Amino acid sequence: MVDVSAKAITTRRAVASALVVMSEATIEKLRSRATPKGDPLEIARIAGIMAAKKTSDLIPLCHQIALSKVNVTAEIRDLGVYLEAEAVTSSQTGVEMEALTAVSVAALTIYDMCKAVQKDIVITEVRLESKSGGKSDFVRE
């Protein structure tokens, strides 16, 4: 692991997003809450939060950090489900991996809960949107 002991403890925030692309028929099933396994959006939200808390167990050499906040949102859009995850901590290292892990697992959960309805769902555009509080900030344009 990288030694972060000399770094200052600061409030750090990261936001990541993903898009789960699906057919109009599957989107309609989501809107009408007619998917066989229940509500994929709410289950994905919880799965993403749980995943953020386990990031250091999943990603080798990733620091274990205390999270102050994790939030995952899932919104039905024209092409499918747009997911966004926010992670916040006061730490010596950033929370980009926690936000990316949260949004990735949320997307996988949407896939799992909708695969009985549609087999060719695509998870795409998993990316960091912004980060702040460390040595350098980043905002995707």
N, C-alpha and C. Protein backbone atom coordinates (compact mmCIF):
# COMPACT_ATOMS: atom_id res chain seq x y z
N MET A 1 0.84 -1.20 0.00
CA MET A 1 0.00 0.00 0.00
C MET A 1 0.87 1.24 0.00
N VAL A 2 0.35 2.29 -0.54
CA VAL A 2 1.06 3.57 -0.55
C VAL A 2 1.01 4.16 0.86
N ASP A 3 2.12 4.71 1.31
CA ASP A 3 2.18 5.33 2.63
C ASP A 3 1.55 6.72 2.57
N VAL A 4 0.44 6.90 3.28
CA VAL A 4 -0.24 8.19 3.30
C VAL A 4 -0.11 8.88 4.65
N SER A 5 0.76 8.37 5.50
CA SER A 5 0.86 8.88 6.87
C SER A 5 1.29 10.35 6.94
N ALA A 6 2.01 10.85 5.96
CA ALA A 6 2.45 12.24 5.96
C ALA A 6 1.40 13.20 5.40
N LYS A 7 0.35 12.66 4.82
CA LYS A 7 -0.70 13.51 4.24
C LYS A 7 -1.61 14.06 5.32
N ALA A 8 -2.13 15.23 5.06
CA ALA A 8 -3.08 15.86 5.99
C ALA A 8 -4.44 15.19 5.89
N ILE A 9 -5.14 15.13 7.01
CA ILE A 9 -6.52 14.65 7.02
C ILE A 9 -7.40 15.80 6.54
N THR A 10 -8.09 15.56 5.44
CA THR A 10 -9.01 16.55 4.90
C THR A 10 -10.32 15.86 4.53
N THR A 11 -11.36 16.66 4.36
CA THR A 11 -12.63 16.12 3.89
C THR A 11 -12.50 15.87 2.40
N ARG A 12 -12.78 14.65 2.00
CA ARG A 12 -12.62 14.25 0.61
C ARG A 12 -13.95 13.72 0.09
N ARG A 13 -14.26 14.05 -1.16
CA ARG A 13 -15.54 13.67 -1.76
C ARG A 13 -15.28 13.20 -3.19
N ALA A 14 -15.98 12.16 -3.59
CA ALA A 14 -15.90 11.68 -4.97
C ALA A 14 -17.30 11.29 -5.45
N VAL A 15 -17.54 11.53 -6.73
CA VAL A 15 -18.81 11.15 -7.37
C VAL A 15 -18.46 10.34 -8.61
N ALA A 16 -19.13 9.18 -8.76
CA ALA A 16 -18.95 8.33 -9.94
C ALA A 16 -20.32 8.04 -10.53
N SER A 17 -20.33 7.66 -11.81
CA SER A 17 -21.60 7.36 -12.46
C SER A 17 -21.46 6.17 -13.39
N ALA A 18 -22.61 5.63 -13.80
CA ALA A 18 -22.66 4.53 -14.77
C ALA A 18 -24.02 4.58 -15.45
N LEU A 19 -24.09 3.95 -16.60
CA LEU A 19 -25.35 3.84 -17.33
C LEU A 19 -25.59 2.37 -17.64
N VAL A 20 -26.79 1.89 -17.33
CA VAL A 20 -27.19 0.53 -17.66
C VAL A 20 -28.18 0.66 -18.82
N VAL A 21 -27.74 0.28 -20.00
CA VAL A 21 -28.54 0.45 -21.22
C VAL A 21 -29.44 -0.77 -21.40
N MET A 22 -30.73 -0.50 -21.64
CA MET A 22 -31.69 -1.58 -21.83
C MET A 22 -32.77 -1.18 -22.82
N SER A 23 -33.57 -2.14 -23.21
CA SER A 23 -34.60 -1.90 -24.21
C SER A 23 -35.77 -1.10 -23.63
N GLU A 24 -36.56 -0.54 -24.53
CA GLU A 24 -37.76 0.19 -24.10
C GLU A 24 -38.71 -0.71 -23.32
N ALA A 25 -38.82 -1.97 -23.73
CA ALA A 25 -39.71 -2.91 -23.02
C ALA A 25 -39.25 -3.13 -21.58
N THR A 26 -37.95 -3.26 -21.38
CA THR A 26 -37.41 -3.45 -20.02
C THR A 26 -37.59 -2.18 -19.19
N ILE A 27 -37.34 -1.04 -19.81
CA ILE A 27 -37.54 0.24 -19.11
C ILE A 27 -38.99 0.37 -18.67
N GLU A 28 -39.91 -0.03 -19.52
CA GLU A 28 -41.35 0.03 -19.17
C GLU A 28 -41.66 -0.89 -18.00
N LYS A 29 -41.04 -2.07 -17.97
CA LYS A 29 -41.25 -2.98 -16.83
C LYS A 29 -40.72 -2.35 -15.54
N LEU A 30 -39.59 -1.64 -15.64
CA LEU A 30 -39.06 -0.94 -14.46
C LEU A 30 -40.03 0.15 -14.00
N ARG A 31 -40.51 0.93 -14.94
CA ARG A 31 -41.44 2.02 -14.60
C ARG A 31 -42.73 1.49 -13.97
N SER A 32 -43.22 0.36 -14.46
CA SER A 32 -44.48 -0.18 -13.94
C SER A 32 -44.26 -1.14 -12.77
N ARG A 33 -42.99 -1.25 -12.36
CA ARG A 33 -42.62 -2.12 -11.23
C ARG A 33 -43.07 -3.56 -11.45
N ALA A 34 -42.80 -4.05 -12.67
CA ALA A 34 -43.23 -5.40 -13.06
C ALA A 34 -42.06 -6.35 -13.30
N THR A 35 -40.90 -6.10 -12.68
CA THR A 35 -39.77 -7.00 -12.83
C THR A 35 -39.91 -8.15 -11.84
N PRO A 36 -39.48 -9.37 -12.23
CA PRO A 36 -39.74 -10.56 -11.42
C PRO A 36 -39.10 -10.56 -10.03
N LYS A 37 -37.96 -9.91 -9.86
CA LYS A 37 -37.23 -9.98 -8.58
C LYS A 37 -37.56 -8.83 -7.62
N GLY A 38 -38.48 -7.96 -7.96
CA GLY A 38 -38.78 -6.83 -7.09
C GLY A 38 -38.28 -5.53 -7.69
N ASP A 39 -37.99 -4.54 -6.84
CA ASP A 39 -37.60 -3.21 -7.28
C ASP A 39 -36.08 -3.12 -7.47
N PRO A 40 -35.60 -3.24 -8.72
CA PRO A 40 -34.16 -3.19 -8.95
C PRO A 40 -33.50 -1.89 -8.53
N LEU A 41 -34.19 -0.77 -8.63
CA LEU A 41 -33.57 0.51 -8.32
C LEU A 41 -33.24 0.62 -6.84
N GLU A 42 -34.14 0.22 -5.99
CA GLU A 42 -33.89 0.32 -4.54
C GLU A 42 -32.86 -0.72 -4.09
N ILE A 43 -32.96 -1.93 -4.62
CA ILE A 43 -31.98 -2.96 -4.25
C ILE A 43 -30.59 -2.56 -4.73
N ALA A 44 -30.49 -1.98 -5.92
CA ALA A 44 -29.20 -1.52 -6.44
C ALA A 44 -28.61 -0.41 -5.57
N ARG A 45 -29.46 0.47 -5.10
CA ARG A 45 -29.01 1.56 -4.23
C ARG A 45 -28.37 0.99 -2.96
N ILE A 46 -29.05 0.06 -2.33
CA ILE A 46 -28.52 -0.56 -1.10
C ILE A 46 -27.25 -1.36 -1.39
N ALA A 47 -27.24 -2.12 -2.50
CA ALA A 47 -26.06 -2.90 -2.87
C ALA A 47 -24.85 -1.99 -3.09
N GLY A 48 -25.06 -0.85 -3.73
CA GLY A 48 -23.96 0.09 -3.96
C GLY A 48 -23.39 0.64 -2.67
N ILE A 49 -24.27 0.98 -1.74
CA ILE A 49 -23.82 1.49 -0.43
C ILE A 49 -23.01 0.42 0.30
N MET A 50 -23.53 -0.80 0.30
CA MET A 50 -22.81 -1.91 0.96
C MET A 50 -21.45 -2.14 0.30
N ALA A 51 -21.40 -2.06 -1.02
CA ALA A 51 -20.15 -2.29 -1.74
C ALA A 51 -19.10 -1.23 -1.41
N ALA A 52 -19.53 0.02 -1.32
CA ALA A 52 -18.59 1.10 -0.97
C ALA A 52 -17.91 0.80 0.36
N LYS A 53 -18.67 0.26 1.30
CA LYS A 53 -18.13 -0.05 2.62
C LYS A 53 -17.15 -1.22 2.59
N LYS A 54 -17.16 -2.01 1.53
CA LYS A 54 -16.29 -3.18 1.40
C LYS A 54 -15.18 -2.99 0.37
N THR A 55 -14.99 -1.78 -0.11
CA THR A 55 -14.04 -1.55 -1.20
C THR A 55 -12.65 -2.08 -0.89
N SER A 56 -12.13 -1.85 0.29
CA SER A 56 -10.77 -2.30 0.60
C SER A 56 -10.67 -3.82 0.66
N ASP A 57 -11.79 -4.52 0.82
CA ASP A 57 -11.79 -5.98 0.77
C ASP A 57 -11.78 -6.49 -0.68
N LEU A 58 -12.24 -5.67 -1.60
CA LEU A 58 -12.38 -6.07 -3.00
C LEU A 58 -11.22 -5.64 -3.88
N ILE A 59 -10.63 -4.48 -3.61
CA ILE A 59 -9.57 -3.91 -4.44
C ILE A 59 -8.24 -4.07 -3.71
N PRO A 60 -7.33 -4.88 -4.23
CA PRO A 60 -6.04 -5.06 -3.55
C PRO A 60 -5.30 -3.74 -3.36
N LEU A 61 -4.69 -3.58 -2.22
CA LEU A 61 -3.88 -2.43 -1.85
C LEU A 61 -4.66 -1.13 -1.68
N CYS A 62 -5.97 -1.21 -1.69
CA CYS A 62 -6.81 -0.04 -1.46
C CYS A 62 -6.90 0.21 0.05
N HIS A 63 -6.69 1.45 0.47
CA HIS A 63 -6.74 1.77 1.89
C HIS A 63 -8.13 1.55 2.47
N GLN A 64 -8.16 1.08 3.69
CA GLN A 64 -9.41 0.95 4.43
C GLN A 64 -9.69 2.31 5.07
N ILE A 65 -10.81 2.92 4.71
CA ILE A 65 -11.12 4.25 5.24
C ILE A 65 -12.51 4.27 5.86
N ALA A 66 -12.65 5.18 6.81
CA ALA A 66 -13.96 5.37 7.45
C ALA A 66 -14.77 6.32 6.57
N LEU A 67 -15.90 5.86 6.12
CA LEU A 67 -16.75 6.69 5.27
C LEU A 67 -17.71 7.51 6.12
N SER A 68 -17.81 8.78 5.81
CA SER A 68 -18.75 9.66 6.49
C SER A 68 -20.12 9.61 5.83
N LYS A 69 -20.11 9.38 4.51
CA LYS A 69 -21.36 9.37 3.75
C LYS A 69 -21.16 8.56 2.48
N VAL A 70 -22.18 7.76 2.15
CA VAL A 70 -22.27 7.12 0.84
C VAL A 70 -23.72 7.24 0.41
N ASN A 71 -23.92 7.71 -0.80
CA ASN A 71 -25.27 7.79 -1.35
C ASN A 71 -25.23 7.31 -2.78
N VAL A 72 -26.22 6.49 -3.14
CA VAL A 72 -26.35 6.00 -4.51
C VAL A 72 -27.75 6.37 -4.99
N THR A 73 -27.82 6.95 -6.17
CA THR A 73 -29.12 7.26 -6.77
C THR A 73 -29.25 6.48 -8.07
N ALA A 74 -30.48 6.10 -8.38
CA ALA A 74 -30.79 5.38 -9.61
C ALA A 74 -31.99 6.06 -10.25
N GLU A 75 -31.83 6.44 -11.51
CA GLU A 75 -32.87 7.18 -12.21
C GLU A 75 -33.14 6.54 -13.56
N ILE A 76 -34.40 6.25 -13.84
CA ILE A 76 -34.77 5.72 -15.14
C ILE A 76 -34.72 6.85 -16.16
N ARG A 77 -33.99 6.62 -17.25
CA ARG A 77 -33.88 7.59 -18.34
C ARG A 77 -34.25 6.90 -19.65
N ASP A 78 -34.20 7.64 -20.74
CA ASP A 78 -34.61 7.11 -22.04
C ASP A 78 -33.83 5.85 -22.44
N LEU A 79 -32.54 5.82 -22.18
CA LEU A 79 -31.71 4.68 -22.61
C LEU A 79 -31.64 3.56 -21.59
N GLY A 80 -32.04 3.82 -20.34
CA GLY A 80 -31.94 2.81 -19.30
C GLY A 80 -31.90 3.44 -17.93
N VAL A 81 -31.00 2.93 -17.09
CA VAL A 81 -30.90 3.42 -15.72
C VAL A 81 -29.57 4.15 -15.55
N TYR A 82 -29.64 5.41 -15.11
CA TYR A 82 -28.45 6.21 -14.81
C TYR A 82 -28.21 6.09 -13.32
N LEU A 83 -26.99 5.74 -12.96
CA LEU A 83 -26.60 5.58 -11.55
C LEU A 83 -25.54 6.60 -11.19
N GLU A 84 -25.63 7.10 -9.97
CA GLU A 84 -24.62 8.01 -9.47
C GLU A 84 -24.34 7.66 -8.02
N ALA A 85 -23.07 7.63 -7.67
CA ALA A 85 -22.66 7.33 -6.29
C ALA A 85 -21.76 8.45 -5.77
N GLU A 86 -22.02 8.85 -4.55
CA GLU A 86 -21.21 9.86 -3.87
C GLU A 86 -20.63 9.23 -2.61
N ALA A 87 -19.34 9.44 -2.39
CA ALA A 87 -18.68 8.97 -1.17
C ALA A 87 -17.93 10.14 -0.54
N VAL A 88 -18.00 10.23 0.79
CA VAL A 88 -17.35 11.32 1.53
C VAL A 88 -16.62 10.72 2.73
N THR A 89 -15.44 11.28 3.03
CA THR A 89 -14.68 10.87 4.21
C THR A 89 -13.84 12.04 4.69
N SER A 90 -13.37 11.96 5.92
CA SER A 90 -12.29 12.82 6.41
C SER A 90 -11.13 11.89 6.62
N SER A 91 -10.15 11.96 5.74
CA SER A 91 -9.09 10.97 5.71
C SER A 91 -7.83 11.55 5.08
N GLN A 92 -6.80 10.69 5.00
CA GLN A 92 -5.54 11.07 4.37
C GLN A 92 -5.49 10.60 2.91
N THR A 93 -6.53 9.92 2.48
CA THR A 93 -6.58 9.43 1.10
C THR A 93 -8.00 9.58 0.56
N GLY A 94 -8.11 9.57 -0.76
CA GLY A 94 -9.39 9.86 -1.40
C GLY A 94 -10.38 8.71 -1.42
N VAL A 95 -11.58 9.01 -1.90
CA VAL A 95 -12.68 8.04 -1.92
C VAL A 95 -13.16 7.73 -3.34
N GLU A 96 -12.28 7.94 -4.32
CA GLU A 96 -12.67 7.64 -5.70
C GLU A 96 -13.02 6.16 -5.87
N MET A 97 -12.21 5.28 -5.29
CA MET A 97 -12.46 3.84 -5.46
C MET A 97 -13.77 3.42 -4.80
N GLU A 98 -14.12 4.05 -3.69
CA GLU A 98 -15.38 3.72 -3.02
C GLU A 98 -16.57 4.14 -3.88
N ALA A 99 -16.49 5.33 -4.48
CA ALA A 99 -17.58 5.79 -5.35
C ALA A 99 -17.68 4.92 -6.60
N LEU A 100 -16.55 4.58 -7.20
CA LEU A 100 -16.55 3.73 -8.40
C LEU A 100 -17.03 2.32 -8.09
N THR A 101 -16.65 1.79 -6.95
CA THR A 101 -17.12 0.45 -6.55
C THR A 101 -18.62 0.47 -6.30
N ALA A 102 -19.09 1.50 -5.64
CA ALA A 102 -20.53 1.61 -5.35
C ALA A 102 -21.35 1.63 -6.63
N VAL A 103 -20.94 2.46 -7.59
CA VAL A 103 -21.72 2.58 -8.83
C VAL A 103 -21.59 1.31 -9.68
N SER A 104 -20.45 0.65 -9.64
CA SER A 104 -20.26 -0.59 -10.40
C SER A 104 -21.13 -1.71 -9.87
N VAL A 105 -21.14 -1.88 -8.57
CA VAL A 105 -21.97 -2.94 -7.97
C VAL A 105 -23.45 -2.61 -8.12
N ALA A 106 -23.82 -1.36 -8.04
CA ALA A 106 -25.22 -0.98 -8.27
C ALA A 106 -25.62 -1.35 -9.71
N ALA A 107 -24.74 -1.09 -10.67
CA ALA A 107 -25.03 -1.44 -12.06
C ALA A 107 -25.14 -2.96 -12.24
N LEU A 108 -24.26 -3.70 -11.62
CA LEU A 108 -24.34 -5.16 -11.68
C LEU A 108 -25.64 -5.68 -11.05
N THR A 109 -26.09 -5.02 -10.03
CA THR A 109 -27.34 -5.41 -9.37
C THR A 109 -28.53 -5.16 -10.29
N ILE A 110 -28.54 -4.02 -10.97
CA ILE A 110 -29.60 -3.76 -11.95
C ILE A 110 -29.59 -4.87 -13.01
N TYR A 111 -28.42 -5.20 -13.51
CA TYR A 111 -28.29 -6.26 -14.51
C TYR A 111 -28.86 -7.57 -13.98
N ASP A 112 -28.44 -7.96 -12.79
CA ASP A 112 -28.89 -9.23 -12.20
C ASP A 112 -30.40 -9.27 -12.03
N MET A 113 -30.97 -8.18 -11.59
CA MET A 113 -32.41 -8.16 -11.32
C MET A 113 -33.26 -8.04 -12.59
N CYS A 114 -32.64 -7.66 -13.70
CA CYS A 114 -33.39 -7.49 -14.96
C CYS A 114 -33.03 -8.53 -16.02
N LYS A 115 -32.07 -9.39 -15.76
CA LYS A 115 -31.61 -10.33 -16.78
C LYS A 115 -32.69 -11.34 -17.19
N ALA A 116 -33.65 -11.60 -16.33
CA ALA A 116 -34.75 -12.49 -16.70
C ALA A 116 -35.66 -11.85 -17.75
N VAL A 117 -35.66 -10.53 -17.79
CA VAL A 117 -36.49 -9.78 -18.74
C VAL A 117 -35.73 -9.53 -20.04
N GLN A 118 -34.42 -9.27 -19.94
CA GLN A 118 -33.62 -8.94 -21.11
C GLN A 118 -32.21 -9.48 -20.93
N LYS A 119 -31.72 -10.21 -21.91
CA LYS A 119 -30.39 -10.84 -21.81
C LYS A 119 -29.25 -9.95 -22.28
N ASP A 120 -29.53 -8.96 -23.12
CA ASP A 120 -28.44 -8.18 -23.73
C ASP A 120 -28.28 -6.79 -23.12
N ILE A 121 -28.55 -6.66 -21.84
CA ILE A 121 -28.33 -5.40 -21.13
C ILE A 121 -26.84 -5.05 -21.18
N VAL A 122 -26.52 -3.77 -21.30
CA VAL A 122 -25.13 -3.32 -21.37
C VAL A 122 -24.85 -2.34 -20.22
N ILE A 123 -23.79 -2.60 -19.49
CA ILE A 123 -23.32 -1.67 -18.47
C ILE A 123 -22.21 -0.84 -19.12
N THR A 124 -22.37 0.48 -19.09
CA THR A 124 -21.43 1.33 -19.81
C THR A 124 -21.16 2.63 -19.05
N GLU A 125 -20.16 3.35 -19.51
CA GLU A 125 -19.83 4.67 -18.99
C GLU A 125 -19.61 4.71 -17.48
N VAL A 126 -18.99 3.68 -16.93
CA VAL A 126 -18.59 3.73 -15.52
C VAL A 126 -17.42 4.70 -15.45
N ARG A 127 -17.58 5.78 -14.69
CA ARG A 127 -16.53 6.80 -14.68
C ARG A 127 -16.60 7.69 -13.45
N LEU A 128 -15.46 8.26 -13.14
CA LEU A 128 -15.38 9.26 -12.08
C LEU A 128 -15.88 10.58 -12.64
N GLU A 129 -16.80 11.21 -11.95
CA GLU A 129 -17.34 12.50 -12.37
C GLU A 129 -16.60 13.66 -11.71
N SER A 130 -16.26 13.48 -10.43
CA SER A 130 -15.54 14.54 -9.73
C SER A 130 -14.89 14.00 -8.47
N LYS A 131 -13.89 14.71 -8.01
CA LYS A 131 -13.27 14.43 -6.71
C LYS A 131 -12.74 15.73 -6.15
N SER A 132 -12.76 15.83 -4.84
CA SER A 132 -12.25 17.04 -4.20
C SER A 132 -11.68 16.70 -2.84
N GLY A 133 -10.84 17.60 -2.34
CA GLY A 133 -10.33 17.50 -0.99
C GLY A 133 -8.93 16.97 -0.85
N GLY A 134 -8.33 16.50 -1.90
CA GLY A 134 -6.96 15.99 -1.82
C GLY A 134 -5.98 16.99 -2.41
N LYS A 135 -4.86 16.46 -2.94
CA LYS A 135 -3.82 17.30 -3.53
C LYS A 135 -4.35 18.05 -4.75
N SER A 136 -5.21 17.39 -5.51
CA SER A 136 -5.78 18.05 -6.69
C SER A 136 -7.25 17.66 -6.85
N ASP A 137 -8.05 18.60 -7.30
CA ASP A 137 -9.46 18.34 -7.54
C ASP A 137 -9.63 17.97 -9.01
N PHE A 138 -10.77 17.35 -9.31
CA PHE A 138 -11.09 16.93 -10.67
C PHE A 138 -12.59 17.06 -10.88
N VAL A 139 -12.99 17.63 -12.01
CA VAL A 139 -14.39 17.68 -12.42
C VAL A 139 -14.43 17.33 -13.90
N ARG A 140 -15.18 16.29 -14.24
CA ARG A 140 -15.34 15.91 -15.66
C ARG A 140 -16.15 16.97 -16.37
N GLU A 141 -15.71 17.35 -17.55
CA GLU A 141 -16.42 18.37 -18.33
C GLU A 141 -17.32 17.74 -19.36
